[in-house]
Amino acid sequence: MSNYTITYFRVRGRCSAMRMLLADQSQTWKEEEITMEQWTDGALKKSCLFGQLPKFQDGDFVLYQSNAILRYLGRKHNLYGKDVKEASLIDMVNDGVEDLRIKYIMFIYREYDTGKEAFIKSIPAELKPFEDLLAKNNGGKDFLVGNKISYADYNLVDMLSNLEVLSPGCLKGTPLLKAYVDRIISRPKLKAYLESDAHKKVPINGNGKQ
């Protein structure tokens, strides 16, 4: 039995991919939901290494930084490729997802009312590198790297799902990515989680924009 705890706000945000990974890998975890009142009180923030959430605990082992948490879970659950080259490619992909996520976060929290049209227009160009990489791996029929799911796949699928909510049909121009997302979210354990209230009733972003 795992002894995982995720401390975060009541939002999918940067914890969505790790929750997807844990659910798909038959892991259980505890959620410690933090309210904005608790956060602005300051005591919890001061206790966090970099002054931010999420906080992840595996027993008495504590991690901060969402991508470090994903990499830890990748190593622990054999979701990091078959060798050092695949692991490096997986890290590369995840860095690309992080670049896209930062642009998405900036748009959602700072430019939603003024920059929506421009952001949506930018989506095809942002998705092209992932489509190209997928095409080079068994014609897009497997995962981004190798023939086994990795921690970066969960992160990308979460990000692409957010974009589909923002701009329905935005994956039509990248058919391999569209099929890839459909294939991954159909994995039985992941599908059950994504259809549960634990996922569906939690907002994507903290400001209600999506």
N, C-alpha and C. Protein backbone atom coordinates (compact mmCIF):
# COMPACT_ATOMS: atom_id res chain seq x y z
N MET A 1 0.84 -1.20 0.00
CA MET A 1 0.00 0.00 0.00
C MET A 1 0.87 1.25 0.00
N SER A 2 0.52 2.18 -0.84
CA SER A 2 1.25 3.44 -0.87
C SER A 2 0.81 4.32 0.29
N ASN A 3 1.65 5.25 0.62
CA ASN A 3 1.36 6.19 1.69
C ASN A 3 1.56 7.60 1.16
N TYR A 4 0.87 7.89 0.05
CA TYR A 4 1.03 9.16 -0.63
C TYR A 4 0.03 10.19 -0.11
N THR A 5 0.48 11.44 -0.02
CA THR A 5 -0.39 12.56 0.32
C THR A 5 -0.08 13.73 -0.59
N ILE A 6 -1.10 14.30 -1.19
CA ILE A 6 -0.97 15.50 -2.02
C ILE A 6 -1.61 16.66 -1.27
N THR A 7 -0.83 17.70 -1.03
CA THR A 7 -1.34 18.91 -0.39
C THR A 7 -1.42 20.00 -1.43
N TYR A 8 -2.65 20.47 -1.70
CA TYR A 8 -2.86 21.42 -2.79
C TYR A 8 -4.21 22.08 -2.60
N PHE A 9 -4.49 23.06 -3.43
CA PHE A 9 -5.78 23.72 -3.42
C PHE A 9 -6.83 22.81 -4.09
N ARG A 10 -8.10 23.15 -3.94
CA ARG A 10 -9.15 22.38 -4.60
C ARG A 10 -9.22 22.80 -6.08
N VAL A 11 -8.27 22.29 -6.83
CA VAL A 11 -8.14 22.62 -8.24
C VAL A 11 -7.31 21.51 -8.89
N ARG A 12 -7.54 21.27 -10.17
CA ARG A 12 -6.72 20.26 -10.85
C ARG A 12 -5.31 20.78 -11.03
N GLY A 13 -5.18 21.93 -11.69
CA GLY A 13 -3.92 22.63 -11.80
C GLY A 13 -2.72 21.73 -12.05
N ARG A 14 -1.69 21.94 -11.27
CA ARG A 14 -0.43 21.22 -11.45
C ARG A 14 -0.44 19.83 -10.82
N CYS A 15 -1.54 19.45 -10.20
CA CYS A 15 -1.60 18.11 -9.61
C CYS A 15 -2.38 17.13 -10.47
N SER A 16 -3.00 17.61 -11.54
CA SER A 16 -3.85 16.73 -12.33
C SER A 16 -3.06 15.57 -12.93
N ALA A 17 -1.89 15.84 -13.50
CA ALA A 17 -1.12 14.78 -14.14
C ALA A 17 -0.66 13.73 -13.14
N MET A 18 -0.23 14.16 -11.95
CA MET A 18 0.22 13.17 -10.96
C MET A 18 -0.94 12.34 -10.45
N ARG A 19 -2.11 12.94 -10.32
CA ARG A 19 -3.30 12.18 -9.92
C ARG A 19 -3.66 11.15 -11.00
N MET A 20 -3.58 11.56 -12.26
CA MET A 20 -3.86 10.64 -13.36
C MET A 20 -2.88 9.47 -13.33
N LEU A 21 -1.61 9.78 -13.14
CA LEU A 21 -0.59 8.73 -13.08
C LEU A 21 -0.88 7.75 -11.95
N LEU A 22 -1.16 8.28 -10.77
CA LEU A 22 -1.41 7.41 -9.62
C LEU A 22 -2.64 6.53 -9.84
N ALA A 23 -3.71 7.12 -10.37
CA ALA A 23 -4.92 6.34 -10.61
C ALA A 23 -4.66 5.23 -11.63
N ASP A 24 -3.96 5.57 -12.70
CA ASP A 24 -3.70 4.59 -13.75
C ASP A 24 -2.77 3.48 -13.28
N GLN A 25 -1.94 3.79 -12.30
CA GLN A 25 -1.00 2.79 -11.77
C GLN A 25 -1.54 2.10 -10.51
N SER A 26 -2.84 2.19 -10.29
CA SER A 26 -3.52 1.49 -9.18
C SER A 26 -3.03 1.93 -7.81
N GLN A 27 -2.64 3.19 -7.71
CA GLN A 27 -2.16 3.71 -6.43
C GLN A 27 -3.28 4.49 -5.73
N THR A 28 -3.23 4.52 -4.42
CA THR A 28 -4.15 5.33 -3.63
C THR A 28 -3.37 6.48 -3.01
N TRP A 29 -4.08 7.55 -2.71
CA TRP A 29 -3.42 8.70 -2.10
C TRP A 29 -4.45 9.51 -1.30
N LYS A 30 -3.94 10.29 -0.40
CA LYS A 30 -4.77 11.16 0.42
C LYS A 30 -4.63 12.59 -0.08
N GLU A 31 -5.73 13.31 -0.10
CA GLU A 31 -5.72 14.71 -0.50
C GLU A 31 -5.86 15.59 0.75
N GLU A 32 -4.97 16.54 0.90
CA GLU A 32 -5.11 17.57 1.92
C GLU A 32 -5.41 18.88 1.19
N GLU A 33 -6.67 19.26 1.16
CA GLU A 33 -7.10 20.45 0.42
C GLU A 33 -6.86 21.70 1.26
N ILE A 34 -6.25 22.69 0.63
CA ILE A 34 -5.91 23.93 1.29
C ILE A 34 -6.81 25.05 0.76
N THR A 35 -7.41 25.79 1.66
CA THR A 35 -8.23 26.93 1.25
C THR A 35 -7.34 28.16 1.08
N MET A 36 -7.85 29.16 0.37
CA MET A 36 -7.09 30.39 0.19
C MET A 36 -6.88 31.10 1.52
N GLU A 37 -7.85 30.94 2.44
CA GLU A 37 -7.70 31.54 3.76
C GLU A 37 -6.51 30.92 4.50
N GLN A 38 -6.39 29.59 4.40
CA GLN A 38 -5.26 28.92 5.03
C GLN A 38 -3.94 29.37 4.40
N TRP A 39 -3.97 29.54 3.09
CA TRP A 39 -2.74 29.90 2.39
C TRP A 39 -2.32 31.34 2.70
N THR A 40 -3.28 32.25 2.70
CA THR A 40 -2.95 33.64 2.95
C THR A 40 -2.61 33.89 4.42
N ASP A 41 -2.98 32.97 5.28
CA ASP A 41 -2.57 33.06 6.68
C ASP A 41 -1.05 33.08 6.82
N GLY A 42 -0.39 32.39 5.88
CA GLY A 42 1.06 32.49 5.79
C GLY A 42 1.87 31.39 6.42
N ALA A 43 1.33 30.71 7.42
CA ALA A 43 2.11 29.70 8.14
C ALA A 43 2.48 28.53 7.23
N LEU A 44 1.50 28.03 6.47
CA LEU A 44 1.78 26.91 5.57
C LEU A 44 2.77 27.32 4.49
N LYS A 45 2.56 28.50 3.92
CA LYS A 45 3.45 28.97 2.87
C LYS A 45 4.89 29.04 3.36
N LYS A 46 5.08 29.52 4.57
CA LYS A 46 6.43 29.61 5.12
C LYS A 46 7.06 28.23 5.32
N SER A 47 6.21 27.23 5.54
CA SER A 47 6.74 25.89 5.77
C SER A 47 7.13 25.18 4.48
N CYS A 48 6.65 25.68 3.34
CA CYS A 48 6.95 25.06 2.04
C CYS A 48 8.32 25.53 1.56
N LEU A 49 9.11 24.61 1.07
CA LEU A 49 10.50 24.90 0.72
C LEU A 49 10.65 26.10 -0.20
N PHE A 50 9.85 26.17 -1.25
CA PHE A 50 9.93 27.29 -2.19
C PHE A 50 8.75 28.24 -2.06
N GLY A 51 8.00 28.10 -0.98
CA GLY A 51 6.87 28.98 -0.74
C GLY A 51 5.71 28.75 -1.67
N GLN A 52 5.56 27.50 -2.14
CA GLN A 52 4.46 27.20 -3.06
C GLN A 52 4.04 25.74 -2.94
N LEU A 53 2.83 25.49 -3.42
CA LEU A 53 2.29 24.13 -3.51
C LEU A 53 2.28 23.72 -4.98
N PRO A 54 2.22 22.41 -5.26
CA PRO A 54 1.89 21.30 -4.37
C PRO A 54 3.04 20.82 -3.49
N LYS A 55 2.63 20.15 -2.44
CA LYS A 55 3.52 19.41 -1.57
C LYS A 55 3.14 17.94 -1.70
N PHE A 56 4.14 17.10 -1.85
CA PHE A 56 3.88 15.66 -2.04
C PHE A 56 4.65 14.89 -0.98
N GLN A 57 3.95 13.95 -0.35
CA GLN A 57 4.59 13.12 0.67
C GLN A 57 4.43 11.64 0.33
N ASP A 58 5.53 10.93 0.42
CA ASP A 58 5.54 9.48 0.34
C ASP A 58 6.06 9.00 1.69
N GLY A 59 5.13 8.76 2.60
CA GLY A 59 5.53 8.50 3.97
C GLY A 59 6.15 9.74 4.56
N ASP A 60 7.39 9.63 5.04
CA ASP A 60 8.07 10.79 5.61
C ASP A 60 8.99 11.49 4.61
N PHE A 61 8.91 11.07 3.34
CA PHE A 61 9.69 11.71 2.28
C PHE A 61 8.85 12.81 1.65
N VAL A 62 9.37 14.03 1.61
CA VAL A 62 8.60 15.19 1.15
C VAL A 62 9.26 15.79 -0.08
N LEU A 63 8.42 16.10 -1.06
CA LEU A 63 8.89 16.76 -2.29
C LEU A 63 8.02 17.97 -2.60
N TYR A 64 8.65 18.96 -3.21
CA TYR A 64 7.96 20.10 -3.80
C TYR A 64 8.33 20.16 -5.28
N GLN A 65 7.66 21.03 -6.01
CA GLN A 65 7.86 21.20 -7.45
C GLN A 65 7.19 20.07 -8.23
N SER A 66 6.15 20.41 -8.97
CA SER A 66 5.30 19.40 -9.60
C SER A 66 6.05 18.49 -10.57
N ASN A 67 6.99 19.03 -11.32
CA ASN A 67 7.72 18.18 -12.27
C ASN A 67 8.69 17.25 -11.57
N ALA A 68 9.27 17.69 -10.46
CA ALA A 68 10.12 16.80 -9.66
C ALA A 68 9.30 15.66 -9.09
N ILE A 69 8.07 15.96 -8.70
CA ILE A 69 7.17 14.93 -8.18
C ILE A 69 6.84 13.92 -9.27
N LEU A 70 6.54 14.41 -10.47
CA LEU A 70 6.26 13.51 -11.59
C LEU A 70 7.45 12.62 -11.91
N ARG A 71 8.64 13.20 -11.90
CA ARG A 71 9.84 12.39 -12.19
C ARG A 71 10.07 11.34 -11.10
N TYR A 72 9.82 11.70 -9.86
CA TYR A 72 9.95 10.74 -8.76
C TYR A 72 8.99 9.56 -8.96
N LEU A 73 7.74 9.89 -9.28
CA LEU A 73 6.75 8.83 -9.50
C LEU A 73 7.10 8.02 -10.75
N GLY A 74 7.67 8.69 -11.74
CA GLY A 74 8.12 7.97 -12.93
C GLY A 74 9.18 6.94 -12.60
N ARG A 75 10.15 7.34 -11.80
CA ARG A 75 11.20 6.39 -11.40
C ARG A 75 10.63 5.26 -10.54
N LYS A 76 9.78 5.62 -9.61
CA LYS A 76 9.28 4.63 -8.65
C LYS A 76 8.37 3.60 -9.30
N HIS A 77 7.61 4.02 -10.31
CA HIS A 77 6.63 3.13 -10.92
C HIS A 77 7.02 2.69 -12.33
N ASN A 78 8.31 2.78 -12.65
CA ASN A 78 8.83 2.27 -13.91
C ASN A 78 8.16 2.95 -15.11
N LEU A 79 8.08 4.26 -15.04
CA LEU A 79 7.45 5.06 -16.10
C LEU A 79 8.47 6.05 -16.67
N TYR A 80 9.72 5.55 -16.84
CA TYR A 80 10.82 6.44 -17.22
C TYR A 80 11.65 5.87 -18.36
N GLY A 81 11.01 5.07 -19.21
CA GLY A 81 11.71 4.52 -20.36
C GLY A 81 12.56 3.31 -20.02
N LYS A 82 13.13 2.70 -21.05
CA LYS A 82 13.88 1.46 -20.86
C LYS A 82 15.37 1.68 -20.64
N ASP A 83 15.85 2.90 -20.97
CA ASP A 83 17.28 3.16 -20.81
C ASP A 83 17.50 4.67 -20.67
N VAL A 84 18.75 5.06 -20.54
CA VAL A 84 19.06 6.46 -20.29
C VAL A 84 18.66 7.36 -21.47
N LYS A 85 18.72 6.84 -22.68
CA LYS A 85 18.33 7.65 -23.84
C LYS A 85 16.83 7.91 -23.84
N GLU A 86 16.04 6.87 -23.58
CA GLU A 86 14.60 7.09 -23.51
C GLU A 86 14.25 8.00 -22.34
N ALA A 87 14.93 7.84 -21.22
CA ALA A 87 14.67 8.71 -20.07
C ALA A 87 14.95 10.17 -20.41
N SER A 88 16.00 10.39 -21.15
CA SER A 88 16.36 11.76 -21.54
C SER A 88 15.33 12.35 -22.50
N LEU A 89 14.84 11.53 -23.44
CA LEU A 89 13.80 11.98 -24.35
C LEU A 89 12.50 12.28 -23.60
N ILE A 90 12.20 11.47 -22.61
CA ILE A 90 11.00 11.70 -21.79
C ILE A 90 11.13 13.01 -21.04
N ASP A 91 12.30 13.27 -20.48
CA ASP A 91 12.53 14.56 -19.82
C ASP A 91 12.39 15.72 -20.79
N MET A 92 12.90 15.55 -22.01
CA MET A 92 12.79 16.58 -23.03
C MET A 92 11.33 16.90 -23.33
N VAL A 93 10.54 15.84 -23.52
CA VAL A 93 9.12 16.02 -23.79
C VAL A 93 8.46 16.76 -22.63
N ASN A 94 8.78 16.35 -21.42
CA ASN A 94 8.15 16.98 -20.27
C ASN A 94 8.53 18.45 -20.15
N ASP A 95 9.76 18.78 -20.50
CA ASP A 95 10.15 20.20 -20.53
C ASP A 95 9.33 20.96 -21.56
N GLY A 96 9.05 20.32 -22.69
CA GLY A 96 8.21 20.96 -23.70
C GLY A 96 6.80 21.17 -23.20
N VAL A 97 6.27 20.20 -22.47
CA VAL A 97 4.94 20.35 -21.87
C VAL A 97 4.94 21.50 -20.87
N GLU A 98 6.01 21.60 -20.09
CA GLU A 98 6.11 22.68 -19.11
C GLU A 98 6.12 24.04 -19.80
N ASP A 99 6.83 24.16 -20.90
CA ASP A 99 6.83 25.42 -21.65
C ASP A 99 5.41 25.79 -22.08
N LEU A 100 4.68 24.81 -22.58
CA LEU A 100 3.31 25.05 -23.01
C LEU A 100 2.41 25.37 -21.82
N ARG A 101 2.61 24.68 -20.73
CA ARG A 101 1.78 24.92 -19.54
C ARG A 101 1.97 26.34 -19.00
N ILE A 102 3.21 26.81 -19.00
CA ILE A 102 3.47 28.17 -18.53
C ILE A 102 2.73 29.19 -19.39
N LYS A 103 2.76 28.99 -20.71
CA LYS A 103 2.03 29.89 -21.61
C LYS A 103 0.53 29.83 -21.32
N TYR A 104 0.03 28.63 -21.08
CA TYR A 104 -1.39 28.45 -20.77
C TYR A 104 -1.74 29.16 -19.45
N ILE A 105 -0.91 28.98 -18.44
CA ILE A 105 -1.17 29.60 -17.14
C ILE A 105 -1.14 31.12 -17.24
N MET A 106 -0.17 31.66 -17.95
CA MET A 106 -0.10 33.11 -18.15
C MET A 106 -1.37 33.62 -18.83
N PHE A 107 -1.83 32.89 -19.83
CA PHE A 107 -3.05 33.27 -20.53
C PHE A 107 -4.25 33.20 -19.60
N ILE A 108 -4.42 32.08 -18.90
CA ILE A 108 -5.59 31.87 -18.04
C ILE A 108 -5.68 32.92 -16.94
N TYR A 109 -4.56 33.23 -16.31
CA TYR A 109 -4.59 34.10 -15.14
C TYR A 109 -4.34 35.58 -15.43
N ARG A 110 -3.79 35.88 -16.61
CA ARG A 110 -3.46 37.28 -16.87
C ARG A 110 -4.07 37.86 -18.14
N GLU A 111 -4.37 37.00 -19.12
CA GLU A 111 -4.76 37.53 -20.43
C GLU A 111 -6.04 36.92 -20.96
N TYR A 112 -6.81 36.26 -20.10
CA TYR A 112 -7.99 35.53 -20.59
C TYR A 112 -8.97 36.44 -21.32
N ASP A 113 -9.22 37.62 -20.77
CA ASP A 113 -10.22 38.51 -21.35
C ASP A 113 -9.72 39.27 -22.57
N THR A 114 -8.42 39.36 -22.72
CA THR A 114 -7.88 40.14 -23.84
C THR A 114 -7.12 39.32 -24.88
N GLY A 115 -6.67 38.13 -24.49
CA GLY A 115 -5.80 37.39 -25.39
C GLY A 115 -6.30 36.03 -25.82
N LYS A 116 -7.60 35.76 -25.61
CA LYS A 116 -8.12 34.42 -25.91
C LYS A 116 -7.98 34.06 -27.39
N GLU A 117 -8.36 34.97 -28.25
CA GLU A 117 -8.30 34.68 -29.69
C GLU A 117 -6.88 34.39 -30.14
N ALA A 118 -5.94 35.19 -29.67
CA ALA A 118 -4.55 35.01 -30.06
C ALA A 118 -3.99 33.70 -29.52
N PHE A 119 -4.36 33.35 -28.29
CA PHE A 119 -3.85 32.11 -27.72
C PHE A 119 -4.39 30.91 -28.49
N ILE A 120 -5.67 30.92 -28.80
CA ILE A 120 -6.26 29.81 -29.54
C ILE A 120 -5.62 29.67 -30.92
N LYS A 121 -5.32 30.79 -31.55
CA LYS A 121 -4.66 30.75 -32.86
C LYS A 121 -3.26 30.15 -32.77
N SER A 122 -2.64 30.26 -31.61
CA SER A 122 -1.28 29.75 -31.43
C SER A 122 -1.22 28.25 -31.17
N ILE A 123 -2.37 27.65 -30.87
CA ILE A 123 -2.37 26.24 -30.46
C ILE A 123 -1.79 25.30 -31.52
N PRO A 124 -2.16 25.39 -32.80
CA PRO A 124 -1.59 24.46 -33.79
C PRO A 124 -0.06 24.46 -33.82
N ALA A 125 0.54 25.63 -33.75
CA ALA A 125 2.00 25.70 -33.76
C ALA A 125 2.60 25.11 -32.49
N GLU A 126 1.90 25.28 -31.38
CA GLU A 126 2.39 24.72 -30.12
C GLU A 126 2.31 23.19 -30.11
N LEU A 127 1.35 22.64 -30.81
CA LEU A 127 1.15 21.19 -30.81
C LEU A 127 2.03 20.46 -31.83
N LYS A 128 2.51 21.18 -32.83
CA LYS A 128 3.26 20.53 -33.92
C LYS A 128 4.47 19.72 -33.44
N PRO A 129 5.30 20.23 -32.51
CA PRO A 129 6.44 19.41 -32.08
C PRO A 129 6.03 18.08 -31.48
N PHE A 130 4.94 18.06 -30.75
CA PHE A 130 4.48 16.81 -30.13
C PHE A 130 3.93 15.85 -31.19
N GLU A 131 3.23 16.40 -32.17
CA GLU A 131 2.73 15.58 -33.28
C GLU A 131 3.89 14.99 -34.07
N ASP A 132 4.92 15.81 -34.32
CA ASP A 132 6.08 15.34 -35.07
C ASP A 132 6.83 14.24 -34.31
N LEU A 133 6.99 14.42 -33.02
CA LEU A 133 7.68 13.41 -32.21
C LEU A 133 6.89 12.11 -32.17
N LEU A 134 5.59 12.23 -32.01
CA LEU A 134 4.73 11.05 -31.98
C LEU A 134 4.81 10.28 -33.29
N ALA A 135 4.83 11.01 -34.41
CA ALA A 135 4.89 10.37 -35.73
C ALA A 135 6.15 9.54 -35.92
N LYS A 136 7.24 9.92 -35.24
CA LYS A 136 8.51 9.22 -35.38
C LYS A 136 8.58 7.95 -34.54
N ASN A 137 7.61 7.75 -33.68
CA ASN A 137 7.61 6.58 -32.80
C ASN A 137 6.51 5.61 -33.24
N ASN A 138 6.89 4.64 -34.06
CA ASN A 138 5.95 3.63 -34.54
C ASN A 138 4.73 4.25 -35.21
N GLY A 139 4.96 5.29 -35.98
CA GLY A 139 3.88 5.92 -36.73
C GLY A 139 2.80 6.53 -35.87
N GLY A 140 3.15 6.83 -34.62
CA GLY A 140 2.17 7.45 -33.72
C GLY A 140 1.26 6.48 -33.02
N LYS A 141 1.55 5.19 -33.13
CA LYS A 141 0.66 4.19 -32.56
C LYS A 141 0.97 3.83 -31.11
N ASP A 142 2.11 4.30 -30.62
CA ASP A 142 2.49 4.00 -29.24
C ASP A 142 2.39 5.25 -28.37
N PHE A 143 3.47 5.55 -27.69
CA PHE A 143 3.51 6.71 -26.81
C PHE A 143 4.50 7.72 -27.38
N LEU A 144 4.75 8.78 -26.67
CA LEU A 144 5.68 9.79 -27.18
C LEU A 144 7.09 9.24 -27.28
N VAL A 145 7.45 8.39 -26.33
CA VAL A 145 8.78 7.78 -26.31
C VAL A 145 8.63 6.29 -26.01
N GLY A 146 9.18 5.46 -26.85
CA GLY A 146 9.14 4.03 -26.60
C GLY A 146 7.76 3.41 -26.71
N ASN A 147 7.64 2.20 -26.16
CA ASN A 147 6.37 1.47 -26.28
C ASN A 147 5.68 1.26 -24.94
N LYS A 148 6.05 2.09 -23.95
CA LYS A 148 5.45 2.01 -22.63
C LYS A 148 5.14 3.42 -22.14
N ILE A 149 4.02 3.58 -21.49
CA ILE A 149 3.63 4.90 -21.02
C ILE A 149 4.66 5.45 -20.04
N SER A 150 4.85 6.77 -20.08
CA SER A 150 5.80 7.43 -19.18
C SER A 150 5.09 8.53 -18.41
N TYR A 151 5.78 9.06 -17.42
CA TYR A 151 5.18 10.15 -16.64
C TYR A 151 4.86 11.36 -17.52
N ALA A 152 5.65 11.58 -18.57
CA ALA A 152 5.43 12.72 -19.45
C ALA A 152 4.15 12.57 -20.27
N ASP A 153 3.75 11.34 -20.56
CA ASP A 153 2.50 11.13 -21.29
C ASP A 153 1.31 11.64 -20.48
N TYR A 154 1.30 11.35 -19.20
CA TYR A 154 0.20 11.85 -18.36
C TYR A 154 0.18 13.37 -18.35
N ASN A 155 1.34 13.97 -18.28
CA ASN A 155 1.43 15.43 -18.23
C ASN A 155 0.94 16.05 -19.54
N LEU A 156 1.35 15.47 -20.66
CA LEU A 156 0.91 16.01 -21.95
C LEU A 156 -0.59 15.81 -22.15
N VAL A 157 -1.09 14.63 -21.83
CA VAL A 157 -2.52 14.37 -22.03
C VAL A 157 -3.36 15.31 -21.17
N ASP A 158 -2.92 15.58 -19.95
CA ASP A 158 -3.62 16.55 -19.12
C ASP A 158 -3.64 17.92 -19.78
N MET A 159 -2.50 18.36 -20.28
CA MET A 159 -2.41 19.67 -20.92
C MET A 159 -3.27 19.74 -22.17
N LEU A 160 -3.24 18.70 -22.99
CA LEU A 160 -4.05 18.68 -24.20
C LEU A 160 -5.54 18.65 -23.88
N SER A 161 -5.89 17.97 -22.82
CA SER A 161 -7.30 17.93 -22.40
C SER A 161 -7.78 19.32 -21.99
N ASN A 162 -6.90 20.07 -21.32
CA ASN A 162 -7.25 21.45 -20.95
C ASN A 162 -7.47 22.30 -22.20
N LEU A 163 -6.61 22.11 -23.19
CA LEU A 163 -6.75 22.88 -24.43
C LEU A 163 -8.05 22.53 -25.15
N GLU A 164 -8.44 21.27 -25.10
CA GLU A 164 -9.70 20.85 -25.74
C GLU A 164 -10.91 21.49 -25.05
N VAL A 165 -10.82 21.69 -23.75
CA VAL A 165 -11.90 22.39 -23.04
C VAL A 165 -11.94 23.85 -23.46
N LEU A 166 -10.78 24.46 -23.56
CA LEU A 166 -10.69 25.86 -23.97
C LEU A 166 -11.17 26.05 -25.40
N SER A 167 -10.72 25.17 -26.30
CA SER A 167 -11.02 25.30 -27.72
C SER A 167 -11.41 23.93 -28.28
N PRO A 168 -12.68 23.54 -28.11
CA PRO A 168 -13.12 22.22 -28.57
C PRO A 168 -12.77 21.98 -30.04
N GLY A 169 -12.18 20.81 -30.30
CA GLY A 169 -11.81 20.47 -31.67
C GLY A 169 -10.41 20.91 -32.05
N CYS A 170 -9.66 21.50 -31.10
CA CYS A 170 -8.34 22.04 -31.45
C CYS A 170 -7.34 20.95 -31.82
N LEU A 171 -7.64 19.69 -31.52
CA LEU A 171 -6.72 18.61 -31.85
C LEU A 171 -6.99 18.00 -33.23
N LYS A 172 -8.01 18.49 -33.91
CA LYS A 172 -8.34 17.93 -35.22
C LYS A 172 -7.20 18.09 -36.22
N GLY A 173 -6.42 19.15 -36.08
CA GLY A 173 -5.31 19.39 -36.99
C GLY A 173 -4.09 18.54 -36.70
N THR A 174 -4.12 17.84 -35.58
CA THR A 174 -3.03 16.93 -35.21
C THR A 174 -3.64 15.56 -34.93
N PRO A 175 -3.97 14.83 -35.98
CA PRO A 175 -4.72 13.58 -35.82
C PRO A 175 -4.01 12.52 -34.99
N LEU A 176 -2.69 12.47 -35.06
CA LEU A 176 -1.98 11.48 -34.25
C LEU A 176 -2.12 11.81 -32.76
N LEU A 177 -2.03 13.10 -32.42
CA LEU A 177 -2.20 13.50 -31.03
C LEU A 177 -3.63 13.25 -30.56
N LYS A 178 -4.59 13.50 -31.43
CA LYS A 178 -6.00 13.26 -31.07
C LYS A 178 -6.21 11.79 -30.75
N ALA A 179 -5.70 10.91 -31.61
CA ALA A 179 -5.85 9.47 -31.38
C ALA A 179 -5.09 9.03 -30.14
N TYR A 180 -3.94 9.65 -29.92
CA TYR A 180 -3.10 9.35 -28.75
C TYR A 180 -3.83 9.70 -27.45
N VAL A 181 -4.42 10.88 -27.41
CA VAL A 181 -5.18 11.29 -26.23
C VAL A 181 -6.35 10.34 -26.00
N ASP A 182 -7.10 10.05 -27.05
CA ASP A 182 -8.25 9.15 -26.93
C ASP A 182 -7.82 7.78 -26.42
N ARG A 183 -6.68 7.33 -26.90
CA ARG A 183 -6.17 6.01 -26.50
C ARG A 183 -5.79 5.98 -25.02
N ILE A 184 -5.14 7.03 -24.57
CA ILE A 184 -4.68 7.04 -23.18
C ILE A 184 -5.83 7.24 -22.20
N ILE A 185 -6.75 8.13 -22.50
CA ILE A 185 -7.84 8.35 -21.55
C ILE A 185 -8.84 7.20 -21.56
N SER A 186 -8.66 6.26 -22.48
CA SER A 186 -9.52 5.06 -22.50
C SER A 186 -8.93 3.92 -21.69
N ARG A 187 -7.71 4.07 -21.17
CA ARG A 187 -7.14 3.04 -20.30
C ARG A 187 -8.08 2.86 -19.11
N PRO A 188 -8.50 1.63 -18.82
CA PRO A 188 -9.60 1.40 -17.88
C PRO A 188 -9.49 2.11 -16.53
N LYS A 189 -8.36 2.03 -15.88
CA LYS A 189 -8.23 2.64 -14.55
C LYS A 189 -8.21 4.17 -14.64
N LEU A 190 -7.57 4.68 -15.67
CA LEU A 190 -7.53 6.12 -15.87
C LEU A 190 -8.91 6.64 -16.25
N LYS A 191 -9.59 5.92 -17.12
CA LYS A 191 -10.94 6.32 -17.52
C LYS A 191 -11.87 6.38 -16.32
N ALA A 192 -11.78 5.39 -15.44
CA ALA A 192 -12.64 5.37 -14.25
C ALA A 192 -12.37 6.59 -13.38
N TYR A 193 -11.11 6.95 -13.24
CA TYR A 193 -10.78 8.13 -12.44
C TYR A 193 -11.29 9.41 -13.10
N LEU A 194 -11.06 9.55 -14.40
CA LEU A 194 -11.48 10.76 -15.10
C LEU A 194 -13.00 10.93 -15.11
N GLU A 195 -13.71 9.84 -14.96
CA GLU A 195 -15.17 9.91 -14.93
C GLU A 195 -15.72 10.02 -13.51
N SER A 196 -14.83 10.03 -12.52
CA SER A 196 -15.26 10.09 -11.13
C SER A 196 -15.44 11.54 -10.68
N ASP A 197 -16.21 11.72 -9.60
CA ASP A 197 -16.40 13.05 -9.04
C ASP A 197 -15.08 13.63 -8.53
N ALA A 198 -14.17 12.76 -8.11
CA ALA A 198 -12.87 13.23 -7.61
C ALA A 198 -12.13 14.05 -8.66
N HIS A 199 -12.42 13.78 -9.92
CA HIS A 199 -11.82 14.56 -11.02
C HIS A 199 -12.80 15.57 -11.58
N LYS A 200 -13.99 15.13 -11.93
CA LYS A 200 -14.94 15.96 -12.66
C LYS A 200 -15.42 17.18 -11.87
N LYS A 201 -15.52 17.03 -10.56
CA LYS A 201 -16.06 18.12 -9.74
C LYS A 201 -14.99 19.08 -9.23
N VAL A 202 -13.76 18.86 -9.63
CA VAL A 202 -12.68 19.76 -9.24
C VAL A 202 -12.38 20.69 -10.41
N PRO A 203 -12.38 22.01 -10.21
CA PRO A 203 -12.15 22.95 -11.32
C PRO A 203 -10.74 22.80 -11.90
N ILE A 204 -10.62 23.12 -13.18
CA ILE A 204 -9.32 23.04 -13.85
C ILE A 204 -8.36 24.07 -13.30
N ASN A 205 -8.83 25.30 -13.16
CA ASN A 205 -7.99 26.40 -12.72
C ASN A 205 -8.59 27.13 -11.52
N GLY A 206 -7.73 27.77 -10.76
CA GLY A 206 -8.19 28.37 -9.52
C GLY A 206 -9.05 29.60 -9.67
N ASN A 207 -9.03 30.24 -10.85
CA ASN A 207 -9.85 31.43 -11.05
C ASN A 207 -11.16 31.14 -11.76
N GLY A 208 -11.44 29.86 -12.00
CA GLY A 208 -12.69 29.49 -12.66
C GLY A 208 -12.65 29.58 -14.17
N LYS A 209 -11.59 30.11 -14.75
CA LYS A 209 -11.47 30.19 -16.21
C LYS A 209 -11.05 28.83 -16.76
N GLN A 210 -11.53 28.53 -17.96
CA GLN A 210 -11.12 27.27 -18.60
C GLN A 210 -11.34 27.35 -20.10
